[in-house]
Amino acid sequence: PTVLAEILREKGFPVTREKILSPSLLASLFLKREG
């Protein structure tokens, strides 16, 4: 997610890390919850 935000900023999009929702973060939370 952090790298994706950097790529999009370089392309001109006014994007911060907080402006991106990707499955990666949800994946980590969900997998940990599932043990």
PDB file of all heavy atoms in Angstrom:
ATOM      1  N   PRO A   1       0.806  -1.230   0.000  1.00  0.00           N
ATOM      2  CA  PRO A   1       0.000   0.000   0.000  1.00  0.00           C
ATOM      3  C   PRO A   1       0.839   1.279   0.000  1.00  0.00           C
ATOM      4  O   PRO A   1       0.518   2.233  -0.716  1.00  0.00           O
ATOM      5  CB  PRO A   1      -0.822  -0.131   1.285  1.00  0.00           C
ATOM      6  CG  PRO A   1      -0.921  -1.601   1.522  1.00  0.00           C
ATOM      7  CD  PRO A   1       0.390  -2.165   1.058  1.00  0.00           C
ATOM      8  N   THR A   2       1.920   1.295   0.782  1.00  0.00           N
ATOM      9  CA  THR A   2       2.754   2.507   0.841  1.00  0.00           C
ATOM     10  C   THR A   2       3.447   2.757  -0.497  1.00  0.00           C
ATOM     11  O   THR A   2       3.569   3.898  -0.937  1.00  0.00           O
ATOM     12  CB  THR A   2       3.823   2.374   1.938  1.00  0.00           C
ATOM     13  OG1 THR A   2       4.519   1.126   1.780  1.00  0.00           O
ATOM     14  CG2 THR A   2       3.192   2.417   3.318  1.00  0.00           C
ATOM     15  N   VAL A   3       3.892   1.686  -1.145  1.00  0.00           N
ATOM     16  CA  VAL A   3       4.561   1.812  -2.443  1.00  0.00           C
ATOM     17  C   VAL A   3       3.568   2.268  -3.503  1.00  0.00           C
ATOM     18  O   VAL A   3       3.882   3.112  -4.350  1.00  0.00           O
ATOM     19  CB  VAL A   3       5.219   0.478  -2.853  1.00  0.00           C
ATOM     20  CG1 VAL A   3       5.754   0.556  -4.285  1.00  0.00           C
ATOM     21  CG2 VAL A   3       6.341   0.115  -1.888  1.00  0.00           C
ATOM     22  N   LEU A   4       2.359   1.721  -3.455  1.00  0.00           N
ATOM     23  CA  LEU A   4       1.334   2.106  -4.419  1.00  0.00           C
ATOM     24  C   LEU A   4       1.023   3.601  -4.310  1.00  0.00           C
ATOM     25  O   LEU A   4       0.870   4.291  -5.321  1.00  0.00           O
ATOM     26  CB  LEU A   4       0.069   1.279  -4.196  1.00  0.00           C
ATOM     27  CG  LEU A   4      -1.083   1.512  -5.178  1.00  0.00           C
ATOM     28  CD1 LEU A   4      -0.651   1.235  -6.603  1.00  0.00           C
ATOM     29  CD2 LEU A   4      -2.275   0.635  -4.797  1.00  0.00           C
ATOM     30  N   ALA A   5       0.944   4.097  -3.086  1.00  0.00           N
ATOM     31  CA  ALA A   5       0.703   5.530  -2.881  1.00  0.00           C
ATOM     32  C   ALA A   5       1.827   6.359  -3.495  1.00  0.00           C
ATOM     33  O   ALA A   5       1.581   7.391  -4.140  1.00  0.00           O
ATOM     34  CB  ALA A   5       0.567   5.829  -1.393  1.00  0.00           C
ATOM     35  N   GLU A   6       3.063   5.911  -3.333  1.00  0.00           N
ATOM     36  CA  GLU A   6       4.212   6.625  -3.902  1.00  0.00           C
ATOM     37  C   GLU A   6       4.143   6.651  -5.425  1.00  0.00           C
ATOM     38  O   GLU A   6       4.403   7.674  -6.062  1.00  0.00           O
ATOM     39  CB  GLU A   6       5.515   5.965  -3.445  1.00  0.00           C
ATOM     40  CG  GLU A   6       5.818   6.153  -1.965  1.00  0.00           C
ATOM     41  CD  GLU A   6       7.023   5.319  -1.522  1.00  0.00           C
ATOM     42  OE1 GLU A   6       7.674   4.717  -2.398  1.00  0.00           O
ATOM     43  OE2 GLU A   6       7.296   5.273  -0.305  1.00  0.00           O
ATOM     44  N   ILE A   7       3.796   5.504  -6.011  1.00  0.00           N
ATOM     45  CA  ILE A   7       3.693   5.407  -7.473  1.00  0.00           C
ATOM     46  C   ILE A   7       2.649   6.380  -7.994  1.00  0.00           C
ATOM     47  O   ILE A   7       2.881   7.116  -8.963  1.00  0.00           O
ATOM     48  CB  ILE A   7       3.335   3.971  -7.902  1.00  0.00           C
ATOM     49  CG1 ILE A   7       4.501   3.019  -7.613  1.00  0.00           C
ATOM     50  CG2 ILE A   7       2.968   3.917  -9.387  1.00  0.00           C
ATOM     51  CD1 ILE A   7       4.161   1.543  -7.811  1.00  0.00           C
ATOM     52  N   LEU A   8       1.488   6.405  -7.354  1.00  0.00           N
ATOM     53  CA  LEU A   8       0.407   7.272  -7.823  1.00  0.00           C
ATOM     54  C   LEU A   8       0.747   8.753  -7.640  1.00  0.00           C
ATOM     55  O   LEU A   8       0.388   9.588  -8.477  1.00  0.00           O
ATOM     56  CB  LEU A   8      -0.892   6.926  -7.099  1.00  0.00           C
ATOM     57  CG  LEU A   8      -1.476   5.541  -7.431  1.00  0.00           C
ATOM     58  CD1 LEU A   8      -2.743   5.290  -6.624  1.00  0.00           C
ATOM     59  CD2 LEU A   8      -1.762   5.421  -8.919  1.00  0.00           C
ATOM     60  N   ARG A   9       1.449   9.081  -6.564  1.00  0.00           N
ATOM     61  CA  ARG A   9       1.879  10.478  -6.382  1.00  0.00           C
ATOM     62  C   ARG A   9       2.832  10.890  -7.506  1.00  0.00           C
ATOM     63  O   ARG A   9       2.758  12.004  -8.025  1.00  0.00           O
ATOM     64  CB  ARG A   9       2.552  10.660  -5.021  1.00  0.00           C
ATOM     65  CG  ARG A   9       1.578  10.846  -3.875  1.00  0.00           C
ATOM     66  CD  ARG A   9       2.235  11.452  -2.653  1.00  0.00           C
ATOM     67  NE  ARG A   9       3.323  10.632  -2.139  1.00  0.00           N
ATOM     68  CZ  ARG A   9       3.171   9.608  -1.296  1.00  0.00           C
ATOM     69  NH1 ARG A   9       1.959   9.281  -0.884  1.00  0.00           N
ATOM     70  NH2 ARG A   9       4.203   8.921  -0.869  1.00  0.00           N
ATOM     71  N   GLU A  10       3.723   9.975  -7.873  1.00  0.00           N
ATOM     72  CA  GLU A  10       4.665  10.264  -8.956  1.00  0.00           C
ATOM     73  C   GLU A  10       3.934  10.481 -10.282  1.00  0.00           C
ATOM     74  O   GLU A  10       4.415  11.196 -11.158  1.00  0.00           O
ATOM     75  CB  GLU A  10       5.666   9.116  -9.100  1.00  0.00           C
ATOM     76  CG  GLU A  10       6.672   9.037  -7.963  1.00  0.00           C
ATOM     77  CD  GLU A  10       7.544   7.790  -8.029  1.00  0.00           C
ATOM     78  OE1 GLU A  10       7.348   6.980  -8.981  1.00  0.00           O
ATOM     79  OE2 GLU A  10       8.412   7.616  -7.155  1.00  0.00           O
ATOM     80  N   LYS A  11       2.768   9.851 -10.412  1.00  0.00           N
ATOM     81  CA  LYS A  11       1.970   9.994 -11.633  1.00  0.00           C
ATOM     82  C   LYS A  11       1.071  11.231 -11.598  1.00  0.00           C
ATOM     83  O   LYS A  11       0.360  11.504 -12.561  1.00  0.00           O
ATOM     84  CB  LYS A  11       1.103   8.747 -11.835  1.00  0.00           C
ATOM     85  CG  LYS A  11       1.882   7.461 -12.033  1.00  0.00           C
ATOM     86  CD  LYS A  11       2.664   7.442 -13.327  1.00  0.00           C
ATOM     87  CE  LYS A  11       3.346   6.098 -13.548  1.00  0.00           C
ATOM     88  NZ  LYS A  11       4.085   6.051 -14.833  1.00  0.00           N
ATOM     89  N   GLY A  12       1.097  11.956 -10.477  1.00  0.00           N
ATOM     90  CA  GLY A  12       0.343  13.197 -10.403  1.00  0.00           C
ATOM     91  C   GLY A  12      -0.902  13.162  -9.552  1.00  0.00           C
ATOM     92  O   GLY A  12      -1.563  14.194  -9.385  1.00  0.00           O
ATOM     93  N   PHE A  13      -1.268  12.019  -9.005  1.00  0.00           N
ATOM     94  CA  PHE A  13      -2.469  11.929  -8.180  1.00  0.00           C
ATOM     95  C   PHE A  13      -2.188  12.460  -6.771  1.00  0.00           C
ATOM     96  O   PHE A  13      -1.150  12.141  -6.178  1.00  0.00           O
ATOM     97  CB  PHE A  13      -2.944  10.483  -8.082  1.00  0.00           C
ATOM     98  CG  PHE A  13      -3.552   9.940  -9.341  1.00  0.00           C
ATOM     99  CD1 PHE A  13      -2.779   9.214 -10.239  1.00  0.00           C
ATOM    100  CD2 PHE A  13      -4.884  10.169  -9.642  1.00  0.00           C
ATOM    101  CE1 PHE A  13      -3.325   8.718 -11.410  1.00  0.00           C
ATOM    102  CE2 PHE A  13      -5.446   9.680 -10.814  1.00  0.00           C
ATOM    103  CZ  PHE A  13      -4.665   8.948 -11.711  1.00  0.00           C
ATOM    104  N   PRO A  14      -3.101  13.254  -6.210  1.00  0.00           N
ATOM    105  CA  PRO A  14      -2.916  13.788  -4.853  1.00  0.00           C
ATOM    106  C   PRO A  14      -3.268  12.727  -3.804  1.00  0.00           C
ATOM    107  O   PRO A  14      -4.240  12.863  -3.051  1.00  0.00           O
ATOM    108  CB  PRO A  14      -3.890  14.971  -4.819  1.00  0.00           C
ATOM    109  CG  PRO A  14      -5.004  14.547  -5.736  1.00  0.00           C
ATOM    110  CD  PRO A  14      -4.347  13.758  -6.830  1.00  0.00           C
ATOM    111  N   VAL A  15      -2.475  11.678  -3.756  1.00  0.00           N
ATOM    112  CA  VAL A  15      -2.787  10.502  -2.940  1.00  0.00           C
ATOM    113  C   VAL A  15      -1.840  10.397  -1.748  1.00  0.00           C
ATOM    114  O   VAL A  15      -0.629  10.502  -1.894  1.00  0.00           O
ATOM    115  CB  VAL A  15      -2.688   9.213  -3.779  1.00  0.00           C
ATOM    116  CG1 VAL A  15      -2.890   7.986  -2.907  1.00  0.00           C
ATOM    117  CG2 VAL A  15      -3.727   9.213  -4.882  1.00  0.00           C
ATOM    118  N   THR A  16      -2.417  10.162  -0.583  1.00  0.00           N
ATOM    119  CA  THR A  16      -1.639   9.785   0.591  1.00  0.00           C
ATOM    120  C   THR A  16      -1.960   8.332   0.901  1.00  0.00           C
ATOM    121  O   THR A  16      -2.898   7.753   0.337  1.00  0.00           O
ATOM    122  CB  THR A  16      -2.026  10.646   1.812  1.00  0.00           C
ATOM    123  OG1 THR A  16      -3.417  10.427   2.107  1.00  0.00           O
ATOM    124  CG2 THR A  16      -1.781  12.118   1.541  1.00  0.00           C
ATOM    125  N   ARG A  17      -1.195   7.738   1.787  1.00  0.00           N
ATOM    126  CA  ARG A  17      -1.439   6.348   2.172  1.00  0.00           C
ATOM    127  C   ARG A  17      -2.873   6.177   2.684  1.00  0.00           C
ATOM    128  O   ARG A  17      -3.521   5.157   2.430  1.00  0.00           O
ATOM    129  CB  ARG A  17      -0.410   5.937   3.256  1.00  0.00           C
ATOM    130  CG  ARG A  17      -0.704   4.658   3.987  1.00  0.00           C
ATOM    131  CD  ARG A  17      -0.645   3.445   3.072  1.00  0.00           C
ATOM    132  NE  ARG A  17      -1.299   2.313   3.677  1.00  0.00           N
ATOM    133  CZ  ARG A  17      -2.603   2.077   3.622  1.00  0.00           C
ATOM    134  NH1 ARG A  17      -3.418   2.910   2.995  1.00  0.00           N
ATOM    135  NH2 ARG A  17      -3.107   1.014   4.193  1.00  0.00           N
ATOM    136  N   GLU A  18      -3.374   7.185   3.374  1.00  0.00           N
ATOM    137  CA  GLU A  18      -4.720   7.121   3.957  1.00  0.00           C
ATOM    138  C   GLU A  18      -5.827   7.185   2.915  1.00  0.00           C
ATOM    139  O   GLU A  18      -6.984   6.896   3.217  1.00  0.00           O
ATOM    140  CB  GLU A  18      -4.909   8.257   4.966  1.00  0.00           C
ATOM    141  CG  GLU A  18      -4.052   8.146   6.220  1.00  0.00           C
ATOM    142  CD  GLU A  18      -2.574   8.409   5.961  1.00  0.00           C
ATOM    143  OE1 GLU A  18      -2.268   9.174   5.025  1.00  0.00           O
ATOM    144  OE2 GLU A  18      -1.730   7.840   6.689  1.00  0.00           O
ATOM    145  N   LYS A  19      -5.475   7.568   1.687  1.00  0.00           N
ATOM    146  CA  LYS A  19      -6.464   7.664   0.614  1.00  0.00           C
ATOM    147  C   LYS A  19      -6.592   6.358  -0.174  1.00  0.00           C
ATOM    148  O   LYS A  19      -7.338   6.307  -1.157  1.00  0.00           O
ATOM    149  CB  LYS A  19      -6.075   8.789  -0.359  1.00  0.00           C
ATOM    150  CG  LYS A  19      -6.343  10.186   0.164  1.00  0.00           C
ATOM    151  CD  LYS A  19      -7.823  10.531   0.102  1.00  0.00           C
ATOM    152  CE  LYS A  19      -8.068  11.998   0.420  1.00  0.00           C
ATOM    153  NZ  LYS A  19      -9.515  12.311   0.415  1.00  0.00           N
ATOM    154  N   ILE A  20      -5.862   5.332   0.229  1.00  0.00           N
ATOM    155  CA  ILE A  20      -5.894   4.062  -0.489  1.00  0.00           C
ATOM    156  C   ILE A  20      -6.413   2.958   0.417  1.00  0.00           C
ATOM    157  O   ILE A  20      -5.936   2.782   1.541  1.00  0.00           O
ATOM    158  CB  ILE A  20      -4.490   3.681  -1.008  1.00  0.00           C
ATOM    159  CG1 ILE A  20      -4.019   4.676  -2.068  1.00  0.00           C
ATOM    160  CG2 ILE A  20      -4.491   2.278  -1.591  1.00  0.00           C
ATOM    161  CD1 ILE A  20      -2.650   4.386  -2.628  1.00  0.00           C
ATOM    162  N   LEU A  21      -7.393   2.228  -0.079  1.00  0.00           N
ATOM    163  CA  LEU A  21      -7.847   1.017   0.601  1.00  0.00           C
ATOM    164  C   LEU A  21      -7.568  -0.156  -0.324  1.00  0.00           C
ATOM    165  O   LEU A  21      -8.156  -0.266  -1.395  1.00  0.00           O
ATOM    166  CB  LEU A  21      -9.341   1.085   0.931  1.00  0.00           C
ATOM    167  CG  LEU A  21      -9.906  -0.162   1.634  1.00  0.00           C
ATOM    168  CD1 LEU A  21      -9.193  -0.417   2.955  1.00  0.00           C
ATOM    169  CD2 LEU A  21     -11.406  -0.026   1.861  1.00  0.00           C
ATOM    170  N   SER A  22      -6.637  -1.002   0.086  1.00  0.00           N
ATOM    171  CA  SER A  22      -6.303  -2.198  -0.693  1.00  0.00           C
ATOM    172  C   SER A  22      -6.526  -3.438   0.160  1.00  0.00           C
ATOM    173  O   SER A  22      -6.560  -3.354   1.391  1.00  0.00           O
ATOM    174  CB  SER A  22      -4.847  -2.132  -1.164  1.00  0.00           C
ATOM    175  OG  SER A  22      -3.973  -2.481  -0.103  1.00  0.00           O
ATOM    176  N   PRO A  23      -6.678  -4.603  -0.476  1.00  0.00           N
ATOM    177  CA  PRO A  23      -6.909  -5.835   0.289  1.00  0.00           C
ATOM    178  C   PRO A  23      -5.756  -6.226   1.210  1.00  0.00           C
ATOM    179  O   PRO A  23      -5.965  -7.007   2.131  1.00  0.00           O
ATOM    180  CB  PRO A  23      -7.104  -6.888  -0.805  1.00  0.00           C
ATOM    181  CG  PRO A  23      -7.492  -6.133  -2.015  1.00  0.00           C
ATOM    182  CD  PRO A  23      -6.755  -4.828  -1.916  1.00  0.00           C
ATOM    183  N   SER A  24      -4.562  -5.696   0.973  1.00  0.00           N
ATOM    184  CA  SER A  24      -3.405  -6.100   1.775  1.00  0.00           C
ATOM    185  C   SER A  24      -3.632  -5.860   3.263  1.00  0.00           C
ATOM    186  O   SER A  24      -3.373  -6.736   4.096  1.00  0.00           O
ATOM    187  CB  SER A  24      -2.150  -5.344   1.323  1.00  0.00           C
ATOM    188  OG  SER A  24      -1.827  -5.632  -0.003  1.00  0.00           O
ATOM    189  N   LEU A  25      -4.104  -4.667   3.607  1.00  0.00           N
ATOM    190  CA  LEU A  25      -4.305  -4.338   5.015  1.00  0.00           C
ATOM    191  C   LEU A  25      -5.413  -5.186   5.625  1.00  0.00           C
ATOM    192  O   LEU A  25      -5.291  -5.679   6.750  1.00  0.00           O
ATOM    193  CB  LEU A  25      -4.620  -2.854   5.161  1.00  0.00           C
ATOM    194  CG  LEU A  25      -3.488  -1.911   4.740  1.00  0.00           C
ATOM    195  CD1 LEU A  25      -3.943  -0.466   4.837  1.00  0.00           C
ATOM    196  CD2 LEU A  25      -2.259  -2.142   5.608  1.00  0.00           C
ATOM    197  N   LEU A  26      -6.507  -5.368   4.874  1.00  0.00           N
ATOM    198  CA  LEU A  26      -7.582  -6.208   5.366  1.00  0.00           C
ATOM    199  C   LEU A  26      -7.126  -7.654   5.486  1.00  0.00           C
ATOM    200  O   LEU A  26      -7.540  -8.369   6.396  1.00  0.00           O
ATOM    201  CB  LEU A  26      -8.792  -6.111   4.433  1.00  0.00           C
ATOM    202  CG  LEU A  26      -9.501  -4.748   4.416  1.00  0.00           C
ATOM    203  CD1 LEU A  26     -10.562  -4.719   3.337  1.00  0.00           C
ATOM    204  CD2 LEU A  26     -10.125  -4.447   5.759  1.00  0.00           C
ATOM    205  N   ALA A  27      -6.266  -8.088   4.566  1.00  0.00           N
ATOM    206  CA  ALA A  27      -5.756  -9.457   4.605  1.00  0.00           C
ATOM    207  C   ALA A  27      -4.996  -9.711   5.901  1.00  0.00           C
ATOM    208  O   ALA A  27      -5.207 -10.726   6.577  1.00  0.00           O
ATOM    209  CB  ALA A  27      -4.844  -9.714   3.409  1.00  0.00           C
ATOM    210  N   SER A  28      -4.118  -8.793   6.256  1.00  0.00           N
ATOM    211  CA  SER A  28      -3.328  -8.952   7.478  1.00  0.00           C
ATOM    212  C   SER A  28      -4.224  -9.023   8.705  1.00  0.00           C
ATOM    213  O   SER A  28      -4.080  -9.904   9.557  1.00  0.00           O
ATOM    214  CB  SER A  28      -2.344  -7.794   7.612  1.00  0.00           C
ATOM    215  OG  SER A  28      -1.596  -7.902   8.801  1.00  0.00           O
ATOM    216  N   LEU A  29      -5.172  -8.100   8.791  1.00  0.00           N
ATOM    217  CA  LEU A  29      -6.086  -8.076   9.939  1.00  0.00           C
ATOM    218  C   LEU A  29      -6.920  -9.359  10.012  1.00  0.00           C
ATOM    219  O   LEU A  29      -7.075  -9.957  11.080  1.00  0.00           O
ATOM    220  CB  LEU A  29      -7.015  -6.868   9.839  1.00  0.00           C
ATOM    221  CG  LEU A  29      -6.359  -5.490   9.976  1.00  0.00           C
ATOM    222  CD1 LEU A  29      -7.363  -4.390   9.632  1.00  0.00           C
ATOM    223  CD2 LEU A  29      -5.817  -5.279  11.382  1.00  0.00           C
ATOM    224  N   PHE A  30      -7.423  -9.802   8.875  1.00  0.00           N
ATOM    225  CA  PHE A  30      -8.302 -10.970   8.834  1.00  0.00           C
ATOM    226  C   PHE A  30      -7.532 -12.238   9.175  1.00  0.00           C
ATOM    227  O   PHE A  30      -8.002 -13.069   9.964  1.00  0.00           O
ATOM    228  CB  PHE A  30      -8.926 -11.096   7.441  1.00  0.00           C
ATOM    229  CG  PHE A  30     -10.134 -11.985   7.397  1.00  0.00           C
ATOM    230  CD1 PHE A  30     -11.404 -11.456   7.553  1.00  0.00           C
ATOM    231  CD2 PHE A  30     -10.009 -13.358   7.219  1.00  0.00           C
ATOM    232  CE1 PHE A  30     -12.520 -12.269   7.525  1.00  0.00           C
ATOM    233  CE2 PHE A  30     -11.111 -14.174   7.187  1.00  0.00           C
ATOM    234  CZ  PHE A  30     -12.376 -13.634   7.344  1.00  0.00           C
ATOM    235  N   LEU A  31      -6.351 -12.409   8.595  1.00  0.00           N
ATOM    236  CA  LEU A  31      -5.565 -13.618   8.844  1.00  0.00           C
ATOM    237  C   LEU A  31      -5.149 -13.726  10.307  1.00  0.00           C
ATOM    238  O   LEU A  31      -5.193 -14.809  10.899  1.00  0.00           O
ATOM    239  CB  LEU A  31      -4.331 -13.640   7.942  1.00  0.00           C
ATOM    240  CG  LEU A  31      -4.586 -13.826   6.443  1.00  0.00           C
ATOM    241  CD1 LEU A  31      -3.302 -13.633   5.655  1.00  0.00           C
ATOM    242  CD2 LEU A  31      -5.186 -15.195   6.158  1.00  0.00           C
ATOM    243  N   LYS A  32      -4.782 -12.610  10.901  1.00  0.00           N
ATOM    244  CA  LYS A  32      -4.406 -12.624  12.321  1.00  0.00           C
ATOM    245  C   LYS A  32      -5.609 -12.976  13.189  1.00  0.00           C
ATOM    246  O   LYS A  32      -5.488 -13.731  14.161  1.00  0.00           O
ATOM    247  CB  LYS A  32      -3.826 -11.266  12.717  1.00  0.00           C
ATOM    248  CG  LYS A  32      -2.427 -11.023  12.151  1.00  0.00           C
ATOM    249  CD  LYS A  32      -1.912  -9.638  12.483  1.00  0.00           C
ATOM    250  CE  LYS A  32      -0.512  -9.433  11.906  1.00  0.00           C
ATOM    251  NZ  LYS A  32       0.008  -8.068  12.138  1.00  0.00           N
ATOM    252  N   ARG A  33      -6.756 -12.451  12.818  1.00  0.00           N
ATOM    253  CA  ARG A  33      -7.975 -12.747  13.562  1.00  0.00           C
ATOM    254  C   ARG A  33      -8.335 -14.237  13.461  1.00  0.00           C
ATOM    255  O   ARG A  33      -8.890 -14.818  14.385  1.00  0.00           O
ATOM    256  CB  ARG A  33      -9.130 -11.897  13.026  1.00  0.00           C
ATOM    257  CG  ARG A  33     -10.363 -11.887  13.914  1.00  0.00           C
ATOM    258  CD  ARG A  33     -11.384 -10.913  13.400  1.00  0.00           C
ATOM    259  NE  ARG A  33     -11.945 -11.341  12.125  1.00  0.00           N
ATOM    260  CZ  ARG A  33     -12.587 -10.532  11.293  1.00  0.00           C
ATOM    261  NH1 ARG A  33     -12.723  -9.259  11.585  1.00  0.00           N
ATOM    262  NH2 ARG A  33     -13.085 -10.986  10.171  1.00  0.00           N
ATOM    263  N   GLU A  34      -7.997 -14.842  12.333  1.00  0.00           N
ATOM    264  CA  GLU A  34      -8.272 -16.266  12.103  1.00  0.00           C
ATOM    265  C   GLU A  34      -7.203 -17.171  12.706  1.00  0.00           C
ATOM    266  O   GLU A  34      -7.302 -18.392  12.616  1.00  0.00           O
ATOM    267  CB  GLU A  34      -8.373 -16.543  10.604  1.00  0.00           C
ATOM    268  CG  GLU A  34      -9.594 -15.928   9.933  1.00  0.00           C
ATOM    269  CD  GLU A  34     -10.881 -16.636  10.319  1.00  0.00           C
ATOM    270  OE1 GLU A  34     -10.967 -17.854  10.095  1.00  0.00           O
ATOM    271  OE2 GLU A  34     -11.786 -15.981  10.858  1.00  0.00           O
ATOM    272  N   GLY A  35      -6.174 -16.576  13.304  1.00  0.00           N
ATOM    273  CA  GLY A  35      -5.117 -17.359  13.940  1.00  0.00           C
ATOM    274  C   GLY A  35      -4.124 -17.962  12.978  1.00  0.00           C
ATOM    275  O   GLY A  35      -3.385 -18.906  13.323  1.00  0.00           O
TER     276      GLY A  35
END
